[in-house]
């Protein structure tokens, strides 16, 4: 699979130029939709947090797709460790406020899970610091979001996919506290990982989100660690 990135007005459009080996359901799971000409596209909204280099977005996204196709990340703890190490160093060196959610937060606690991607939670106050720190590795543009669980989103690819989410919406915890919700954000715990200090949610907040997704094995590992 390959994509081309173009600019339409203030929006970035990701067009699939080669979808060999990828099913329609897989494309839809990646939020690509077929247009009237039969081309799969994904449009990122005009509400960008800052300007992006379209050619760099295209290069980084295709690097991600190529590595994904080769399964180079599968069960590779060295790549996971190197990526988290890079995140910690970049954020520390640039004074960026952040915390870790999702399975990566379990991983740094020593629980036996391998994250599909690394979920970094941060704040709108950090937008320009992030631009100067990670812009060479951005694969999906950083943009403001409405009517979703967070107020902003962007993706960095550097050996591993890193999802950046900005500030959870207040209603996220409406049906119970989650590891990426406002309650988690206000009750963060410090842990030590490879000489770095990382903020993570309380361990019990991971139970509901994993249970809701049917990840019972992970739920049992969390309960055993509490």
N, C-alpha and C. Protein backbone atom coordinates (compact mmCIF):
# COMPACT_ATOMS: atom_id res chain seq x y z
N UNK A 1 0.84 -1.19 0.00
CA UNK A 1 0.00 0.00 0.00
C UNK A 1 0.88 1.25 0.00
N UNK A 2 0.47 2.22 -0.82
CA UNK A 2 1.17 3.50 -0.85
C UNK A 2 0.15 4.63 -0.89
N UNK A 3 0.56 5.77 -0.35
CA UNK A 3 -0.34 6.92 -0.39
C UNK A 3 0.41 8.14 -0.93
N UNK A 4 -0.40 9.08 -1.45
CA UNK A 4 0.10 10.38 -1.86
C UNK A 4 -0.61 11.44 -1.03
N UNK A 5 0.11 12.43 -0.58
CA UNK A 5 -0.47 13.50 0.22
C UNK A 5 -0.52 14.77 -0.61
N UNK A 6 -1.69 15.40 -0.65
CA UNK A 6 -1.85 16.65 -1.37
C UNK A 6 -2.60 17.64 -0.50
N UNK A 7 -2.57 18.88 -0.90
CA UNK A 7 -3.24 19.94 -0.16
C UNK A 7 -4.47 20.38 -0.96
N UNK A 8 -5.61 20.42 -0.31
CA UNK A 8 -6.83 20.95 -0.90
C UNK A 8 -7.34 22.04 0.02
N UNK A 9 -7.10 23.29 -0.38
CA UNK A 9 -7.41 24.39 0.52
C UNK A 9 -6.48 24.31 1.73
N UNK A 10 -7.06 24.29 2.91
CA UNK A 10 -6.26 24.18 4.13
C UNK A 10 -6.20 22.76 4.65
N UNK A 11 -6.82 21.83 3.95
CA UNK A 11 -6.86 20.44 4.41
C UNK A 11 -5.81 19.60 3.69
N UNK A 12 -5.34 18.54 4.37
CA UNK A 12 -4.47 17.57 3.74
C UNK A 12 -5.29 16.35 3.33
N UNK A 13 -5.06 15.88 2.10
CA UNK A 13 -5.78 14.72 1.58
C UNK A 13 -4.79 13.59 1.34
N UNK A 14 -5.06 12.44 1.96
CA UNK A 14 -4.24 11.25 1.78
C UNK A 14 -4.97 10.36 0.77
N UNK A 15 -4.35 10.16 -0.40
CA UNK A 15 -4.94 9.34 -1.46
C UNK A 15 -4.15 8.05 -1.59
N UNK A 16 -4.86 6.93 -1.66
CA UNK A 16 -4.20 5.63 -1.82
C UNK A 16 -3.86 5.45 -3.29
N UNK A 17 -2.56 5.42 -3.60
CA UNK A 17 -2.12 5.24 -4.99
C UNK A 17 -1.89 3.78 -5.33
N UNK A 18 -1.73 2.96 -4.32
CA UNK A 18 -1.53 1.51 -4.52
C UNK A 18 -2.10 0.80 -3.30
N UNK A 19 -3.18 0.06 -3.52
CA UNK A 19 -3.80 -0.65 -2.39
C UNK A 19 -3.65 -2.16 -2.51
N UNK A 20 -2.65 -2.60 -3.27
CA UNK A 20 -2.43 -4.04 -3.44
C UNK A 20 -2.13 -4.68 -2.09
N UNK A 21 -2.77 -5.81 -1.84
CA UNK A 21 -2.55 -6.55 -0.60
C UNK A 21 -3.33 -6.04 0.58
N UNK A 22 -4.18 -5.03 0.36
CA UNK A 22 -4.96 -4.46 1.46
C UNK A 22 -6.44 -4.55 1.11
N UNK A 23 -7.23 -5.10 2.02
CA UNK A 23 -8.66 -5.27 1.78
C UNK A 23 -9.40 -3.96 2.00
N UNK A 24 -10.63 -3.91 1.50
CA UNK A 24 -11.46 -2.72 1.69
C UNK A 24 -11.75 -2.50 3.17
N UNK A 25 -11.97 -3.58 3.92
CA UNK A 25 -12.24 -3.43 5.35
C UNK A 25 -11.03 -2.87 6.08
N UNK A 26 -9.82 -3.28 5.66
CA UNK A 26 -8.61 -2.73 6.27
C UNK A 26 -8.48 -1.24 5.97
N UNK A 27 -8.78 -0.86 4.74
CA UNK A 27 -8.72 0.56 4.37
C UNK A 27 -9.71 1.36 5.19
N UNK A 28 -10.90 0.82 5.36
CA UNK A 28 -11.92 1.54 6.14
C UNK A 28 -11.52 1.63 7.62
N UNK A 29 -10.83 0.59 8.11
CA UNK A 29 -10.38 0.63 9.50
C UNK A 29 -9.32 1.71 9.71
N UNK A 30 -8.67 2.11 8.60
CA UNK A 30 -7.68 3.19 8.63
C UNK A 30 -8.31 4.52 8.23
N UNK A 31 -9.65 4.54 8.14
CA UNK A 31 -10.45 5.73 7.87
C UNK A 31 -10.31 6.25 6.43
N UNK A 32 -9.97 5.37 5.50
CA UNK A 32 -9.99 5.72 4.09
C UNK A 32 -11.37 5.39 3.52
N UNK A 33 -11.92 6.30 2.72
CA UNK A 33 -13.21 6.10 2.09
C UNK A 33 -13.07 6.27 0.58
N UNK A 34 -13.84 5.47 -0.18
CA UNK A 34 -13.78 5.53 -1.64
C UNK A 34 -14.59 6.73 -2.14
N UNK A 35 -13.99 7.53 -3.02
CA UNK A 35 -14.71 8.67 -3.58
C UNK A 35 -15.43 8.27 -4.86
N UNK A 36 -16.04 9.26 -5.53
CA UNK A 36 -16.84 8.97 -6.73
C UNK A 36 -16.00 8.43 -7.89
N UNK A 37 -14.66 8.61 -7.82
CA UNK A 37 -13.78 8.09 -8.87
C UNK A 37 -13.13 6.76 -8.48
N UNK A 38 -13.58 6.20 -7.36
CA UNK A 38 -13.06 4.91 -6.93
C UNK A 38 -11.72 4.99 -6.22
N UNK A 39 -11.30 6.21 -5.86
CA UNK A 39 -10.03 6.40 -5.16
C UNK A 39 -10.28 6.47 -3.66
N UNK A 40 -9.48 5.73 -2.91
CA UNK A 40 -9.61 5.78 -1.45
C UNK A 40 -8.87 7.01 -0.93
N UNK A 41 -9.58 7.79 -0.12
CA UNK A 41 -9.02 9.03 0.40
C UNK A 41 -9.33 9.17 1.88
N UNK A 42 -8.48 9.91 2.54
CA UNK A 42 -8.74 10.33 3.90
C UNK A 42 -8.41 11.81 4.00
N UNK A 43 -9.35 12.59 4.48
CA UNK A 43 -9.16 14.04 4.53
C UNK A 43 -8.96 14.47 5.98
N UNK A 44 -7.86 15.19 6.19
CA UNK A 44 -7.61 15.76 7.51
C UNK A 44 -8.11 17.20 7.52
N UNK A 45 -8.84 17.59 8.55
CA UNK A 45 -9.55 18.86 8.53
C UNK A 45 -8.63 20.07 8.48
N UNK A 46 -9.25 21.20 8.14
CA UNK A 46 -8.49 22.44 7.99
C UNK A 46 -8.06 23.03 9.32
N UNK A 47 -8.54 22.46 10.42
CA UNK A 47 -8.24 23.02 11.74
C UNK A 47 -6.87 22.55 12.25
N UNK A 48 -5.84 22.83 11.47
CA UNK A 48 -4.49 22.38 11.81
C UNK A 48 -3.95 23.19 12.98
N UNK A 49 -3.14 22.53 13.81
CA UNK A 49 -2.51 23.21 14.93
C UNK A 49 -1.35 24.09 14.47
N UNK A 50 -0.72 23.70 13.37
CA UNK A 50 0.37 24.47 12.77
C UNK A 50 0.55 23.96 11.36
N UNK A 51 1.36 24.65 10.57
CA UNK A 51 1.56 24.25 9.18
C UNK A 51 2.43 22.99 9.13
N UNK A 52 2.19 22.18 8.12
CA UNK A 52 2.94 20.94 7.95
C UNK A 52 3.53 20.88 6.55
N UNK A 53 4.59 20.12 6.42
CA UNK A 53 5.22 19.84 5.13
C UNK A 53 4.57 18.60 4.54
N UNK A 54 3.80 18.77 3.46
CA UNK A 54 3.07 17.66 2.87
C UNK A 54 3.96 16.54 2.39
N UNK A 55 5.12 16.87 1.82
CA UNK A 55 6.03 15.83 1.35
C UNK A 55 6.59 15.02 2.51
N UNK A 56 6.85 15.68 3.61
CA UNK A 56 7.34 14.97 4.80
C UNK A 56 6.25 14.07 5.37
N UNK A 57 5.02 14.54 5.41
CA UNK A 57 3.90 13.70 5.86
C UNK A 57 3.81 12.44 5.00
N UNK A 58 3.92 12.62 3.69
CA UNK A 58 3.83 11.49 2.76
C UNK A 58 4.95 10.49 2.99
N UNK A 59 6.17 10.98 3.14
CA UNK A 59 7.32 10.10 3.37
C UNK A 59 7.16 9.33 4.67
N UNK A 60 6.81 10.02 5.74
CA UNK A 60 6.69 9.37 7.04
C UNK A 60 5.55 8.36 7.06
N UNK A 61 4.42 8.70 6.44
CA UNK A 61 3.29 7.77 6.43
C UNK A 61 3.62 6.52 5.61
N UNK A 62 4.29 6.69 4.49
CA UNK A 62 4.65 5.52 3.68
C UNK A 62 5.72 4.67 4.37
N UNK A 63 6.60 5.30 5.13
CA UNK A 63 7.56 4.52 5.93
C UNK A 63 6.82 3.67 6.95
N UNK A 64 5.81 4.26 7.57
CA UNK A 64 4.99 3.51 8.53
C UNK A 64 4.30 2.32 7.84
N UNK A 65 3.72 2.56 6.67
CA UNK A 65 3.03 1.48 5.96
C UNK A 65 4.00 0.36 5.54
N UNK A 66 5.19 0.75 5.10
CA UNK A 66 6.19 -0.24 4.68
C UNK A 66 6.63 -1.11 5.85
N UNK A 67 6.90 -0.48 6.99
CA UNK A 67 7.30 -1.24 8.17
C UNK A 67 6.17 -2.13 8.66
N UNK A 68 4.94 -1.61 8.57
CA UNK A 68 3.78 -2.39 8.97
C UNK A 68 3.62 -3.62 8.09
N UNK A 69 3.82 -3.44 6.80
CA UNK A 69 3.71 -4.56 5.85
C UNK A 69 4.75 -5.63 6.13
N UNK A 70 5.94 -5.19 6.55
CA UNK A 70 7.03 -6.14 6.83
C UNK A 70 6.95 -6.74 8.23
N UNK A 71 5.99 -6.24 9.04
CA UNK A 71 5.83 -6.72 10.43
C UNK A 71 7.10 -6.58 11.24
N UNK A 72 7.85 -5.49 11.01
CA UNK A 72 9.13 -5.38 11.72
C UNK A 72 8.95 -5.10 13.21
N UNK A 73 7.74 -4.64 13.59
CA UNK A 73 7.52 -4.28 14.98
C UNK A 73 7.03 -5.45 15.84
N UNK A 74 6.59 -6.50 15.21
CA UNK A 74 5.88 -7.55 15.93
C UNK A 74 6.75 -8.14 17.03
N UNK A 75 6.28 -7.99 18.27
CA UNK A 75 6.94 -8.56 19.44
C UNK A 75 8.38 -8.06 19.65
N UNK A 76 8.70 -6.89 19.10
CA UNK A 76 10.06 -6.38 19.21
C UNK A 76 10.15 -5.38 20.35
N UNK A 77 10.55 -5.87 21.50
CA UNK A 77 10.64 -5.00 22.68
C UNK A 77 11.76 -3.96 22.55
N UNK A 78 12.79 -4.27 21.78
CA UNK A 78 13.87 -3.30 21.61
C UNK A 78 13.37 -2.04 20.90
N UNK A 79 12.53 -2.23 19.89
CA UNK A 79 11.98 -1.07 19.17
C UNK A 79 11.06 -0.28 20.08
N UNK A 80 10.23 -0.99 20.85
CA UNK A 80 9.33 -0.31 21.79
C UNK A 80 10.15 0.51 22.80
N UNK A 81 11.16 -0.13 23.38
CA UNK A 81 11.99 0.56 24.37
C UNK A 81 12.70 1.76 23.76
N UNK A 82 13.24 1.61 22.55
CA UNK A 82 13.94 2.72 21.89
C UNK A 82 12.99 3.89 21.63
N UNK A 83 11.75 3.57 21.25
CA UNK A 83 10.79 4.63 20.95
C UNK A 83 10.38 5.36 22.22
N UNK A 84 10.11 4.63 23.30
CA UNK A 84 9.73 5.27 24.55
C UNK A 84 10.90 6.09 25.10
N UNK A 85 12.11 5.57 24.96
CA UNK A 85 13.31 6.31 25.36
C UNK A 85 13.40 7.62 24.59
N UNK A 86 13.14 7.57 23.28
CA UNK A 86 13.18 8.78 22.46
C UNK A 86 12.12 9.78 22.90
N UNK A 87 10.91 9.30 23.16
CA UNK A 87 9.82 10.17 23.62
C UNK A 87 10.22 10.87 24.91
N UNK A 88 10.72 10.10 25.87
CA UNK A 88 11.11 10.68 27.16
C UNK A 88 12.18 11.75 26.97
N UNK A 89 13.19 11.44 26.18
CA UNK A 89 14.30 12.38 26.00
C UNK A 89 13.85 13.66 25.30
N UNK A 90 13.05 13.51 24.24
CA UNK A 90 12.56 14.69 23.52
C UNK A 90 11.72 15.58 24.41
N UNK A 91 10.83 14.97 25.19
CA UNK A 91 9.96 15.75 26.05
C UNK A 91 10.73 16.41 27.20
N UNK A 92 11.68 15.69 27.76
CA UNK A 92 12.49 16.26 28.84
C UNK A 92 13.35 17.41 28.32
N UNK A 93 13.97 17.23 27.17
CA UNK A 93 14.88 18.24 26.64
C UNK A 93 14.15 19.51 26.20
N UNK A 94 12.86 19.39 25.91
CA UNK A 94 12.10 20.54 25.42
C UNK A 94 11.03 21.02 26.40
N UNK A 95 11.05 20.46 27.63
CA UNK A 95 10.13 20.91 28.66
C UNK A 95 8.67 20.70 28.33
N UNK A 96 8.36 19.58 27.68
CA UNK A 96 6.98 19.29 27.24
C UNK A 96 6.25 18.51 28.32
N UNK A 97 5.07 18.97 28.70
CA UNK A 97 4.24 18.26 29.67
C UNK A 97 3.47 17.16 28.95
N UNK A 98 3.49 15.94 29.54
CA UNK A 98 2.83 14.83 28.88
C UNK A 98 2.61 13.71 29.88
N UNK A 99 1.80 12.74 29.48
CA UNK A 99 1.66 11.52 30.24
C UNK A 99 1.33 10.38 29.29
N UNK A 100 1.49 9.18 29.80
CA UNK A 100 1.34 7.99 28.96
C UNK A 100 0.05 7.28 29.31
N UNK A 101 -0.73 6.91 28.31
CA UNK A 101 -1.98 6.18 28.52
C UNK A 101 -1.93 4.86 27.74
N UNK A 102 -3.05 4.12 27.76
CA UNK A 102 -3.15 2.90 26.98
C UNK A 102 -2.19 1.81 27.40
N UNK A 103 -1.96 0.88 26.47
CA UNK A 103 -1.15 -0.30 26.78
C UNK A 103 0.31 0.06 27.03
N UNK A 104 0.79 1.17 26.46
CA UNK A 104 2.17 1.57 26.72
C UNK A 104 2.37 1.94 28.18
N UNK A 105 1.32 2.49 28.82
CA UNK A 105 1.41 2.81 30.24
C UNK A 105 1.50 1.54 31.08
N UNK A 106 0.85 0.49 30.62
CA UNK A 106 0.98 -0.80 31.29
C UNK A 106 2.37 -1.37 31.06
N UNK A 107 2.86 -1.22 29.84
CA UNK A 107 4.17 -1.76 29.47
C UNK A 107 5.27 -1.19 30.35
N UNK A 108 5.27 0.14 30.55
CA UNK A 108 6.35 0.74 31.35
C UNK A 108 6.22 0.39 32.82
N UNK A 109 5.06 -0.09 33.24
CA UNK A 109 4.90 -0.58 34.61
C UNK A 109 5.42 -2.00 34.76
N UNK A 110 5.81 -2.63 33.66
CA UNK A 110 6.35 -3.98 33.71
C UNK A 110 5.32 -5.06 33.49
N UNK A 111 4.10 -4.69 33.09
CA UNK A 111 3.07 -5.68 32.82
C UNK A 111 3.29 -6.27 31.42
N UNK A 112 3.08 -7.54 31.28
CA UNK A 112 3.41 -8.26 30.05
C UNK A 112 2.37 -7.99 28.95
N UNK A 113 2.47 -6.81 28.35
CA UNK A 113 1.66 -6.46 27.18
C UNK A 113 2.57 -5.81 26.16
N UNK A 114 2.22 -5.95 24.88
CA UNK A 114 2.98 -5.31 23.81
C UNK A 114 2.06 -4.29 23.13
N UNK A 115 2.32 -3.01 23.31
CA UNK A 115 1.42 -2.00 22.76
C UNK A 115 1.36 -2.01 21.24
N UNK A 116 0.14 -1.87 20.71
CA UNK A 116 -0.05 -1.74 19.26
C UNK A 116 0.53 -0.41 18.77
N UNK A 117 0.36 0.63 19.57
CA UNK A 117 0.98 1.92 19.35
C UNK A 117 1.21 2.56 20.71
N UNK A 118 1.82 3.73 20.72
CA UNK A 118 2.14 4.39 21.98
C UNK A 118 1.25 5.62 22.11
N UNK A 119 0.43 5.65 23.16
CA UNK A 119 -0.54 6.73 23.35
C UNK A 119 0.01 7.79 24.29
N UNK A 120 0.39 8.92 23.73
CA UNK A 120 0.90 10.05 24.51
C UNK A 120 -0.23 11.07 24.67
N UNK A 121 -0.51 11.41 25.91
CA UNK A 121 -1.48 12.46 26.22
C UNK A 121 -0.71 13.74 26.55
N UNK A 122 -1.19 14.86 26.02
CA UNK A 122 -0.52 16.12 26.29
C UNK A 122 -1.54 17.25 26.33
N UNK A 123 -1.07 18.49 26.24
CA UNK A 123 -1.92 19.65 26.49
C UNK A 123 -1.77 20.67 25.35
N UNK A 124 -2.80 21.47 25.14
CA UNK A 124 -2.73 22.47 24.08
C UNK A 124 -1.62 23.49 24.31
N UNK A 125 -1.27 23.68 25.57
CA UNK A 125 -0.18 24.61 25.88
C UNK A 125 1.15 24.16 25.28
N UNK A 126 1.25 22.89 24.92
CA UNK A 126 2.52 22.31 24.46
C UNK A 126 2.63 22.26 22.94
N UNK A 127 1.64 22.79 22.22
CA UNK A 127 1.59 22.62 20.77
C UNK A 127 2.86 23.10 20.09
N UNK A 128 3.29 24.32 20.34
CA UNK A 128 4.44 24.85 19.63
C UNK A 128 5.75 24.18 20.06
N UNK A 129 5.82 23.75 21.30
CA UNK A 129 7.01 22.98 21.73
C UNK A 129 7.08 21.67 20.94
N UNK A 130 5.93 21.05 20.75
CA UNK A 130 5.91 19.79 20.01
C UNK A 130 6.26 20.01 18.55
N UNK A 131 5.77 21.08 17.98
CA UNK A 131 6.10 21.38 16.58
C UNK A 131 7.61 21.40 16.38
N UNK A 132 8.31 22.10 17.25
CA UNK A 132 9.75 22.21 17.11
C UNK A 132 10.50 20.94 17.44
N UNK A 133 9.84 20.01 18.12
CA UNK A 133 10.52 18.80 18.60
C UNK A 133 10.29 17.57 17.73
N UNK A 134 9.08 17.43 17.17
CA UNK A 134 8.73 16.18 16.48
C UNK A 134 8.31 16.38 15.03
N UNK A 135 8.35 17.61 14.50
CA UNK A 135 7.76 17.86 13.18
C UNK A 135 8.42 17.04 12.07
N UNK A 136 9.68 16.66 12.21
CA UNK A 136 10.34 15.87 11.16
C UNK A 136 9.83 14.43 11.09
N UNK A 137 9.05 14.02 12.11
CA UNK A 137 8.58 12.63 12.17
C UNK A 137 7.05 12.52 12.09
N UNK A 138 6.37 13.63 11.84
CA UNK A 138 4.90 13.60 11.82
C UNK A 138 4.41 12.86 10.58
N UNK A 139 3.51 11.89 10.78
CA UNK A 139 2.95 11.14 9.66
C UNK A 139 1.48 11.48 9.41
N UNK A 140 0.78 11.97 10.43
CA UNK A 140 -0.59 12.44 10.28
C UNK A 140 -0.68 13.78 10.99
N UNK A 141 -1.22 14.80 10.32
CA UNK A 141 -1.11 16.18 10.83
C UNK A 141 -1.75 16.39 12.20
N UNK A 142 -1.13 17.26 12.97
CA UNK A 142 -1.68 17.64 14.27
C UNK A 142 -2.82 18.64 14.02
N UNK A 143 -4.01 18.29 14.52
CA UNK A 143 -5.18 19.13 14.24
C UNK A 143 -6.12 19.16 15.43
N UNK A 144 -6.87 20.24 15.52
CA UNK A 144 -7.88 20.38 16.55
C UNK A 144 -9.08 19.49 16.20
N UNK A 145 -9.73 18.96 17.23
CA UNK A 145 -10.82 18.01 17.04
C UNK A 145 -12.05 18.49 17.81
N UNK A 146 -13.22 18.29 17.21
CA UNK A 146 -14.48 18.52 17.92
C UNK A 146 -15.30 17.24 17.85
N UNK A 147 -16.18 17.06 18.81
CA UNK A 147 -17.08 15.89 18.85
C UNK A 147 -16.32 14.56 18.91
N UNK A 148 -15.21 14.55 19.63
CA UNK A 148 -14.48 13.30 19.85
C UNK A 148 -14.02 13.27 21.30
N UNK A 149 -13.26 12.26 21.68
CA UNK A 149 -12.90 12.06 23.09
C UNK A 149 -11.80 13.01 23.57
N UNK A 150 -11.06 13.61 22.63
CA UNK A 150 -10.01 14.56 22.98
C UNK A 150 -10.17 15.82 22.13
N UNK A 151 -9.41 16.86 22.49
CA UNK A 151 -9.54 18.15 21.82
C UNK A 151 -8.58 18.32 20.64
N UNK A 152 -7.67 17.39 20.47
CA UNK A 152 -6.72 17.47 19.37
C UNK A 152 -6.01 16.14 19.18
N UNK A 153 -5.42 15.95 17.97
CA UNK A 153 -4.80 14.66 17.67
C UNK A 153 -3.75 14.83 16.57
N UNK A 154 -2.73 14.00 16.62
CA UNK A 154 -1.71 13.93 15.59
C UNK A 154 -0.91 12.66 15.76
N UNK A 155 -0.19 12.25 14.73
CA UNK A 155 0.57 11.00 14.78
C UNK A 155 2.01 11.24 14.36
N UNK A 156 2.91 10.68 15.14
CA UNK A 156 4.35 10.70 14.85
C UNK A 156 4.78 9.27 14.55
N UNK A 157 5.65 9.12 13.56
CA UNK A 157 6.20 7.79 13.30
C UNK A 157 7.72 7.85 13.38
N UNK A 158 8.23 7.14 14.37
CA UNK A 158 9.67 7.00 14.52
C UNK A 158 9.96 5.62 15.10
N UNK A 159 10.16 4.67 14.20
CA UNK A 159 10.31 3.26 14.54
C UNK A 159 8.99 2.64 14.99
N UNK A 160 8.15 3.40 15.63
CA UNK A 160 6.89 2.91 16.16
C UNK A 160 5.86 4.02 16.02
N UNK A 161 4.61 3.67 15.89
CA UNK A 161 3.56 4.69 15.79
C UNK A 161 3.30 5.31 17.17
N UNK A 162 3.31 6.64 17.21
CA UNK A 162 3.06 7.38 18.44
C UNK A 162 1.86 8.28 18.22
N UNK A 163 0.78 8.03 18.93
CA UNK A 163 -0.44 8.83 18.82
C UNK A 163 -0.41 9.91 19.89
N UNK A 164 -0.48 11.16 19.47
CA UNK A 164 -0.55 12.29 20.39
C UNK A 164 -1.99 12.76 20.51
N UNK A 165 -2.52 12.76 21.73
CA UNK A 165 -3.88 13.22 21.99
C UNK A 165 -3.83 14.38 22.97
N UNK A 166 -4.63 15.40 22.71
CA UNK A 166 -4.61 16.62 23.51
C UNK A 166 -5.88 16.74 24.35
N UNK A 167 -5.73 16.64 25.66
CA UNK A 167 -6.75 16.97 26.64
C UNK A 167 -8.09 16.24 26.42
N UNK A 168 -8.39 15.26 27.26
CA UNK A 168 -9.67 14.54 27.14
C UNK A 168 -10.87 15.45 27.41
N UNK A 169 -11.96 15.18 26.73
CA UNK A 169 -13.20 15.91 26.97
C UNK A 169 -13.79 15.48 28.32
N UNK A 170 -14.52 16.37 28.96
CA UNK A 170 -15.06 16.11 30.29
C UNK A 170 -16.01 14.92 30.32
N UNK A 171 -16.75 14.69 29.24
CA UNK A 171 -17.77 13.64 29.24
C UNK A 171 -17.20 12.23 29.09
N UNK A 172 -15.90 12.12 28.82
CA UNK A 172 -15.29 10.81 28.55
C UNK A 172 -15.51 9.82 29.69
N UNK A 173 -15.47 10.31 30.92
CA UNK A 173 -15.62 9.43 32.09
C UNK A 173 -17.07 9.22 32.50
N UNK A 174 -18.01 9.59 31.63
CA UNK A 174 -19.42 9.56 32.00
C UNK A 174 -19.96 8.20 32.39
N UNK A 175 -19.39 7.14 31.82
CA UNK A 175 -19.84 5.78 32.14
C UNK A 175 -18.82 5.00 32.96
N UNK A 176 -17.93 5.72 33.60
CA UNK A 176 -16.89 5.09 34.42
C UNK A 176 -15.52 5.65 34.06
N UNK A 177 -14.65 5.71 35.04
CA UNK A 177 -13.32 6.29 34.82
C UNK A 177 -12.49 5.44 33.86
N UNK A 178 -11.80 6.13 32.94
CA UNK A 178 -10.96 5.47 31.95
C UNK A 178 -9.52 5.93 32.10
N UNK A 179 -8.60 5.18 31.52
CA UNK A 179 -7.17 5.50 31.68
C UNK A 179 -6.76 6.74 30.90
N UNK A 180 -7.61 7.26 30.00
CA UNK A 180 -7.25 8.45 29.23
C UNK A 180 -8.22 9.61 29.47
N UNK A 181 -9.03 9.51 30.51
CA UNK A 181 -10.03 10.52 30.78
C UNK A 181 -9.56 11.63 31.69
N UNK A 182 -10.45 12.60 31.97
CA UNK A 182 -10.07 13.72 32.83
C UNK A 182 -9.75 13.31 34.26
N UNK A 183 -10.41 12.26 34.77
CA UNK A 183 -10.07 11.80 36.12
C UNK A 183 -8.64 11.28 36.15
N UNK A 184 -8.28 10.49 35.15
CA UNK A 184 -6.91 9.98 35.06
C UNK A 184 -5.91 11.13 34.99
N UNK A 185 -6.24 12.14 34.18
CA UNK A 185 -5.34 13.27 34.00
C UNK A 185 -5.08 14.01 35.31
N UNK A 186 -6.08 14.03 36.18
CA UNK A 186 -5.94 14.76 37.44
C UNK A 186 -5.45 13.86 38.58
N UNK A 187 -5.22 12.57 38.31
CA UNK A 187 -4.74 11.65 39.35
C UNK A 187 -3.53 10.85 38.86
N UNK A 188 -2.66 11.48 38.13
CA UNK A 188 -1.51 10.79 37.56
C UNK A 188 -0.52 10.35 38.64
N UNK A 189 0.13 9.24 38.36
CA UNK A 189 1.16 8.71 39.26
C UNK A 189 2.51 8.75 38.56
N UNK A 190 3.57 8.95 39.33
CA UNK A 190 4.92 8.95 38.79
C UNK A 190 5.52 7.55 38.91
N UNK A 191 6.14 7.09 37.82
CA UNK A 191 6.90 5.85 37.90
C UNK A 191 8.29 6.10 37.31
N UNK A 192 9.23 5.28 37.69
CA UNK A 192 10.57 5.34 37.13
C UNK A 192 10.72 4.26 36.06
N UNK A 193 11.20 4.67 34.91
CA UNK A 193 11.44 3.72 33.82
C UNK A 193 12.76 4.10 33.15
N UNK A 194 13.73 3.20 33.20
CA UNK A 194 15.03 3.44 32.55
C UNK A 194 15.60 4.83 32.85
N UNK A 195 15.59 5.20 34.10
CA UNK A 195 16.13 6.49 34.56
C UNK A 195 15.27 7.69 34.17
N UNK A 196 14.10 7.46 33.64
CA UNK A 196 13.18 8.54 33.31
C UNK A 196 11.99 8.50 34.28
N UNK A 197 11.41 9.66 34.53
CA UNK A 197 10.16 9.74 35.28
C UNK A 197 9.01 9.88 34.28
N UNK A 198 8.04 8.99 34.36
CA UNK A 198 6.90 9.01 33.45
C UNK A 198 5.62 9.10 34.27
N UNK A 199 4.72 9.97 33.87
CA UNK A 199 3.41 10.06 34.50
C UNK A 199 2.46 9.08 33.81
N UNK A 200 1.75 8.29 34.62
CA UNK A 200 0.82 7.29 34.09
C UNK A 200 -0.46 7.32 34.92
N UNK A 201 -1.58 6.81 34.40
CA UNK A 201 -2.81 6.76 35.18
C UNK A 201 -2.73 5.70 36.27
N UNK A 202 -3.56 5.81 37.31
CA UNK A 202 -3.67 4.72 38.28
C UNK A 202 -3.98 3.41 37.56
N UNK A 203 -3.35 2.35 38.00
CA UNK A 203 -3.43 1.07 37.30
C UNK A 203 -4.86 0.57 37.12
N UNK A 204 -5.71 0.77 38.14
CA UNK A 204 -7.07 0.24 38.06
C UNK A 204 -7.91 0.90 36.97
N UNK A 205 -7.50 2.09 36.49
CA UNK A 205 -8.27 2.77 35.46
C UNK A 205 -8.15 2.10 34.09
N UNK A 206 -7.21 1.19 33.95
CA UNK A 206 -7.06 0.46 32.69
C UNK A 206 -8.05 -0.70 32.57
N UNK A 207 -8.69 -1.07 33.64
CA UNK A 207 -9.55 -2.26 33.61
C UNK A 207 -10.75 -2.07 32.71
N UNK A 208 -11.47 -0.98 32.87
CA UNK A 208 -12.71 -0.79 32.12
C UNK A 208 -12.47 -0.72 30.61
N UNK A 209 -11.48 0.06 30.19
CA UNK A 209 -11.25 0.21 28.75
C UNK A 209 -10.84 -1.12 28.11
N UNK A 210 -10.05 -1.92 28.80
CA UNK A 210 -9.66 -3.22 28.25
C UNK A 210 -10.81 -4.23 28.31
N UNK A 211 -11.60 -4.16 29.37
CA UNK A 211 -12.76 -5.05 29.46
C UNK A 211 -13.76 -4.73 28.35
N UNK A 212 -14.01 -3.45 28.13
CA UNK A 212 -14.96 -3.03 27.09
C UNK A 212 -14.52 -3.49 25.70
N UNK A 213 -13.22 -3.66 25.49
CA UNK A 213 -12.71 -4.11 24.20
C UNK A 213 -12.52 -5.62 24.14
N UNK A 214 -12.94 -6.31 25.19
CA UNK A 214 -12.85 -7.75 25.20
C UNK A 214 -11.46 -8.30 25.45
N UNK A 215 -10.57 -7.48 26.01
CA UNK A 215 -9.20 -7.91 26.26
C UNK A 215 -9.10 -8.50 27.67
N UNK A 216 -9.71 -9.64 27.83
CA UNK A 216 -9.84 -10.24 29.16
C UNK A 216 -8.49 -10.68 29.70
N UNK A 217 -7.61 -11.16 28.84
CA UNK A 217 -6.28 -11.58 29.30
C UNK A 217 -5.52 -10.41 29.91
N UNK A 218 -5.62 -9.24 29.27
CA UNK A 218 -4.96 -8.06 29.80
C UNK A 218 -5.61 -7.62 31.11
N UNK A 219 -6.94 -7.70 31.17
CA UNK A 219 -7.66 -7.36 32.41
C UNK A 219 -7.14 -8.22 33.56
N UNK A 220 -6.97 -9.50 33.32
CA UNK A 220 -6.48 -10.41 34.36
C UNK A 220 -5.06 -10.06 34.79
N UNK A 221 -4.23 -9.64 33.84
CA UNK A 221 -2.86 -9.24 34.17
C UNK A 221 -2.86 -7.98 35.02
N UNK A 222 -3.76 -7.06 34.71
CA UNK A 222 -3.85 -5.82 35.49
C UNK A 222 -4.29 -6.14 36.91
N UNK A 223 -5.32 -6.96 37.04
CA UNK A 223 -5.82 -7.32 38.36
C UNK A 223 -4.75 -8.04 39.19
N UNK A 224 -3.95 -8.86 38.52
CA UNK A 224 -2.89 -9.58 39.23
C UNK A 224 -1.80 -8.63 39.71
N UNK A 225 -1.65 -7.49 39.02
CA UNK A 225 -0.60 -6.54 39.38
C UNK A 225 -1.04 -5.54 40.45
N UNK A 226 -2.35 -5.41 40.65
CA UNK A 226 -2.85 -4.44 41.63
C UNK A 226 -2.61 -4.93 43.06
